[in-house]
Amino acid sequence: MNWKDRIEVNPAVLVGKPIIMGTRISVELILDRLADGWTMEDVLASYPHVGREDVLAALSFASELFKEETFVAVGKVNT
């Protein structure tokens, strides 16, 4: 799956944060929910207009971002 088919950035929506296409659900929100211990099923039940492929695209997008960046937020890691 190519996350570019499901994730978009639109400056007019959520101040340009990456979102699931056609929604106001941000990649950040999906990642926060999963980090809080939500399961895929929890996310899908709470956001019925988001599909399994959308959640996987959000994860893929975040993963690709980290692969491309050359910095580590040391202050965040070592606190």
Protein backbone atom coordinates (compact mmCIF):
# COMPACT_ATOMS: atom_id res chain seq x y z
CA MET A 1 0.00 0.00 0.00
CA ASN A 2 1.17 3.51 -0.77
CA TRP A 3 0.33 5.95 2.02
CA LYS A 4 0.25 8.75 -0.58
CA ASP A 5 -3.07 7.31 -1.79
CA ARG A 6 -4.66 7.93 1.64
CA ILE A 7 -2.81 10.75 3.41
CA GLU A 8 -2.98 14.38 2.38
CA VAL A 9 -1.83 17.77 3.60
CA ASN A 10 -4.22 20.65 3.06
CA PRO A 11 -3.34 24.01 4.64
CA ALA A 12 -7.08 24.72 4.97
CA VAL A 13 -7.66 21.62 7.14
CA LEU A 14 -6.19 21.29 10.64
CA VAL A 15 -3.56 23.94 9.86
CA GLY A 16 -1.95 21.66 7.29
CA LYS A 17 -1.37 18.62 9.50
CA PRO A 18 -1.30 15.33 7.58
CA ILE A 19 -4.81 13.85 7.56
CA ILE A 20 -6.68 10.85 6.25
CA MET A 21 -7.98 11.97 2.85
CA GLY A 22 -11.50 13.28 2.88
CA THR A 23 -11.62 13.55 6.68
CA ARG A 24 -10.47 15.81 9.48
CA ILE A 25 -8.77 12.86 11.20
CA SER A 26 -5.06 13.56 11.53
CA VAL A 27 -2.22 11.07 11.38
CA GLU A 28 -1.24 12.47 14.76
CA LEU A 29 -4.62 11.51 16.25
CA ILE A 30 -4.36 7.95 14.93
CA LEU A 31 -0.83 7.58 16.32
CA ASP A 32 -1.87 9.05 19.68
CA ARG A 33 -4.74 6.61 20.01
CA LEU A 34 -2.54 3.63 19.17
CA ALA A 35 0.14 4.89 21.58
CA ASP A 36 -2.54 5.09 24.27
CA GLY A 37 -3.17 1.38 23.81
CA TRP A 38 -6.14 1.49 21.47
CA THR A 39 -6.40 -1.44 19.12
CA MET A 40 -7.09 -1.20 15.42
CA GLU A 41 -10.66 -2.27 16.22
CA ASP A 42 -11.00 0.55 18.80
CA VAL A 43 -9.92 3.13 16.24
CA LEU A 44 -12.23 1.77 13.56
CA ALA A 45 -15.20 1.65 15.95
CA SER A 46 -14.61 5.21 17.18
CA TYR A 47 -14.00 6.67 13.74
CA PRO A 48 -16.30 4.75 11.37
CA HIS A 49 -15.31 6.87 8.36
CA VAL A 50 -11.69 5.66 8.78
CA GLY A 51 -10.79 2.25 7.37
CA ARG A 52 -8.12 -0.29 8.24
CA GLU A 53 -6.08 0.80 5.22
CA ASP A 54 -6.23 4.40 6.46
CA VAL A 55 -4.75 3.44 9.83
CA LEU A 56 -2.03 1.41 8.13
CA ALA A 57 -1.32 4.36 5.83
CA ALA A 58 -0.91 6.63 8.87
CA LEU A 59 1.62 4.19 10.34
CA SER A 60 3.43 3.90 7.02
CA PHE A 61 3.56 7.69 6.68
CA ALA A 62 5.07 8.09 10.16
CA SER A 63 7.55 5.30 9.54
CA GLU A 64 8.72 6.87 6.30
CA LEU A 65 9.13 10.24 8.00
CA PHE A 66 11.47 8.76 10.58
CA LYS A 67 13.48 6.95 7.92
CA GLU A 68 14.04 10.20 6.06
CA GLU A 69 14.92 12.42 9.01
CA THR A 70 18.51 12.73 10.19
CA PHE A 71 17.81 14.08 13.65
CA VAL A 72 16.82 12.55 16.94
CA ALA A 73 14.89 14.59 19.48
CA VAL A 74 17.42 13.81 22.22
CA GLY A 75 15.62 16.04 24.70
CA LYS A 76 12.45 13.98 24.26
CA VAL A 77 14.22 10.63 24.53
CA ASN A 78 16.44 11.40 27.52
CA THR A 79 13.93 13.00 29.85
